[in-house]
């Protein structure tokens, strides 16, 4: 099992999945305060699912460059690694929330995304995307801007 997170400042989307089927299922989002999650809830998820690893969506600008949220998401991923002694990976999460909202609306869902959180679905999409990647980026790797950017 793998636990995945869609990092946010007020909520973290969460999903659980397995590599054998390369599928994931959204879970209830975790409340956060300025990017700091409810660690008690994460510990409960860890105990329940006993994940082999964690995947955290890496927020990037649309041109692929890093932003402040990139570093905050990496810090969270490294804290997961340190607390639970499991590998933690980062994966590009551009447009995952947008795609999740589109899936929700296409299915006849309401457009009130404060009331109907898409964070879990975004985490599911992040994890399923990670399963398809040929190589995985450790959260311990240094974040660097793509070549040609200031």
Protein backbone atom coordinates (compact mmCIF):
# COMPACT_ATOMS: atom_id res chain seq x y z
CA UNK A 1 0.00 0.00 0.00
CA UNK A 2 1.03 3.56 -0.72
CA UNK A 3 -0.43 6.68 0.92
CA UNK A 4 -0.55 9.80 -1.25
CA UNK A 5 -1.11 13.41 -0.32
CA UNK A 6 -2.22 16.50 -2.22
CA UNK A 7 -0.46 19.16 -0.12
CA UNK A 8 -2.44 22.27 0.78
CA UNK A 9 -2.43 25.08 3.28
CA UNK A 10 -5.92 24.38 4.70
CA UNK A 11 -6.53 20.77 3.64
CA UNK A 12 -4.50 17.80 2.46
CA UNK A 13 -6.08 15.41 0.02
CA UNK A 14 -5.34 11.77 0.84
CA UNK A 15 -5.55 8.58 -1.19
CA UNK A 16 -4.42 5.00 -0.71
CA UNK A 17 -3.42 2.69 -3.52
CA UNK A 18 -1.51 -0.37 -4.54
CA UNK A 19 1.13 -0.81 -7.21
CA UNK A 20 -0.14 -4.23 -8.32
CA UNK A 21 -3.28 -2.72 -9.84
CA UNK A 22 -1.89 0.84 -10.16
CA UNK A 23 -5.14 2.14 -8.72
CA UNK A 24 -5.98 4.38 -5.81
CA UNK A 25 -8.97 5.34 -3.71
CA UNK A 26 -9.59 8.79 -2.23
CA UNK A 27 -9.89 9.13 1.54
CA UNK A 28 -11.29 11.90 3.71
CA UNK A 29 -9.12 15.06 3.55
CA UNK A 30 -6.97 16.09 6.51
CA UNK A 31 -7.42 19.55 7.98
CA UNK A 32 -4.30 21.71 8.03
CA UNK A 33 -3.42 25.08 9.46
CA UNK A 34 -1.06 27.09 7.26
CA UNK A 35 0.26 23.88 5.71
CA UNK A 36 0.70 22.02 9.01
CA UNK A 37 -1.46 18.89 9.03
CA UNK A 38 -3.22 17.12 11.85
CA UNK A 39 -0.37 14.69 12.58
CA UNK A 40 -2.64 12.60 14.80
CA UNK A 41 -4.85 11.90 11.78
CA UNK A 42 -1.82 11.00 9.66
CA UNK A 43 -0.59 8.63 12.39
CA UNK A 44 -4.02 6.98 12.45
CA UNK A 45 -3.90 6.54 8.66
CA UNK A 46 -0.41 5.07 8.95
CA UNK A 47 -1.61 2.55 11.55
CA UNK A 48 -4.68 1.65 9.51
CA UNK A 49 -3.01 1.23 6.11
CA UNK A 50 0.61 0.35 7.03
CA UNK A 51 1.96 1.93 3.82
CA UNK A 52 5.27 0.89 2.27
CA UNK A 53 5.87 4.46 1.10
CA UNK A 54 4.38 7.93 0.72
CA UNK A 55 3.80 10.03 -2.40
CA UNK A 56 3.33 13.78 -2.15
CA UNK A 57 2.20 15.93 -5.05
CA UNK A 58 4.84 18.52 -5.94
CA UNK A 59 3.23 21.87 -6.78
CA UNK A 60 4.97 23.53 -9.73
CA UNK A 61 4.28 26.61 -11.79
CA UNK A 62 2.70 25.84 -15.17
CA UNK A 63 6.12 26.28 -16.85
CA UNK A 64 7.57 23.58 -14.58
CA UNK A 65 9.50 25.93 -12.31
CA UNK A 66 9.54 25.65 -8.54
CA UNK A 67 7.48 27.88 -6.26
CA UNK A 68 7.21 28.37 -2.49
CA UNK A 69 4.65 25.56 -2.26
CA UNK A 70 7.14 23.18 -3.93
CA UNK A 71 9.50 23.58 -0.99
CA UNK A 72 6.72 23.30 1.57
CA UNK A 73 5.43 20.08 0.00
CA UNK A 74 8.97 18.64 -0.01
CA UNK A 75 9.39 19.57 3.67
CA UNK A 76 6.14 17.73 4.47
CA UNK A 77 7.29 14.68 2.47
CA UNK A 78 10.58 14.63 4.36
CA UNK A 79 8.74 14.85 7.67
CA UNK A 80 6.66 11.81 6.66
CA UNK A 81 9.91 9.97 5.91
CA UNK A 82 11.46 10.97 9.26
CA UNK A 83 8.38 10.20 11.38
CA UNK A 84 7.45 6.86 9.86
CA UNK A 85 10.76 5.56 8.48
CA UNK A 86 9.29 4.92 5.04
CA UNK A 87 10.46 6.26 1.68
CA UNK A 88 8.72 9.41 0.55
CA UNK A 89 8.44 10.45 -3.10
CA UNK A 90 7.48 13.61 -4.95
CA UNK A 91 5.58 13.75 -8.21
CA UNK A 92 4.44 16.58 -10.44
CA UNK A 93 0.89 17.44 -9.49
CA UNK A 94 0.17 20.24 -11.98
CA UNK A 95 -3.50 20.32 -12.95
CA UNK A 96 -4.50 17.44 -10.63
CA UNK A 97 -6.98 19.64 -8.72
CA UNK A 98 -8.30 21.08 -11.99
CA UNK A 99 -8.74 17.56 -13.40
CA UNK A 100 -10.46 16.39 -10.19
CA UNK A 101 -12.94 19.28 -10.38
CA UNK A 102 -13.66 18.46 -14.02
CA UNK A 103 -14.32 14.80 -13.19
CA UNK A 104 -16.63 15.86 -10.36
CA UNK A 105 -18.58 18.33 -12.53
CA UNK A 106 -18.79 15.88 -15.47
CA UNK A 107 -20.35 13.38 -13.07
CA UNK A 108 -23.09 15.88 -12.18
CA UNK A 109 -21.48 17.15 -8.99
CA UNK A 110 -22.03 20.61 -7.56
CA UNK A 111 -19.55 23.44 -8.14
CA UNK A 112 -19.26 24.34 -4.44
CA UNK A 113 -15.75 22.96 -3.88
CA UNK A 114 -15.55 24.26 -0.30
CA UNK A 115 -18.52 22.04 0.54
CA UNK A 116 -17.55 19.19 -1.82
CA UNK A 117 -13.79 18.76 -1.45
CA UNK A 118 -11.93 17.44 -4.48
CA UNK A 119 -8.71 17.02 -2.49
CA UNK A 120 -9.06 13.24 -2.11
CA UNK A 121 -9.76 12.81 -5.81
CA UNK A 122 -6.73 15.00 -6.60
CA UNK A 123 -4.59 12.75 -4.34
CA UNK A 124 -5.97 9.71 -6.15
CA UNK A 125 -5.00 11.20 -9.53
CA UNK A 126 -1.53 12.08 -8.18
CA UNK A 127 -0.95 8.53 -6.97
CA UNK A 128 -2.26 6.87 -10.13
CA UNK A 129 0.01 9.16 -12.17
CA UNK A 130 2.98 8.19 -9.94
CA UNK A 131 2.27 4.50 -10.55
CA UNK A 132 2.69 5.12 -14.30
CA UNK A 133 6.04 6.92 -13.95
CA UNK A 134 9.10 4.90 -14.98
CA UNK A 135 11.32 6.57 -12.35
CA UNK A 136 10.47 7.97 -8.93
CA UNK A 137 11.90 11.11 -7.33
CA UNK A 138 12.83 10.79 -3.65
CA UNK A 139 11.79 13.66 -1.42
CA UNK A 140 15.37 13.63 -0.14
CA UNK A 141 16.64 14.78 -3.55
CA UNK A 142 17.42 18.47 -3.77
CA UNK A 143 14.86 20.54 -5.67
CA UNK A 144 16.42 22.43 -8.57
CA UNK A 145 14.97 24.71 -11.20
CA UNK A 146 14.84 23.28 -14.74
CA UNK A 147 17.79 24.30 -16.91
CA UNK A 148 17.40 27.69 -18.57
CA UNK A 149 15.35 29.23 -15.73
CA UNK A 150 16.65 31.92 -13.39
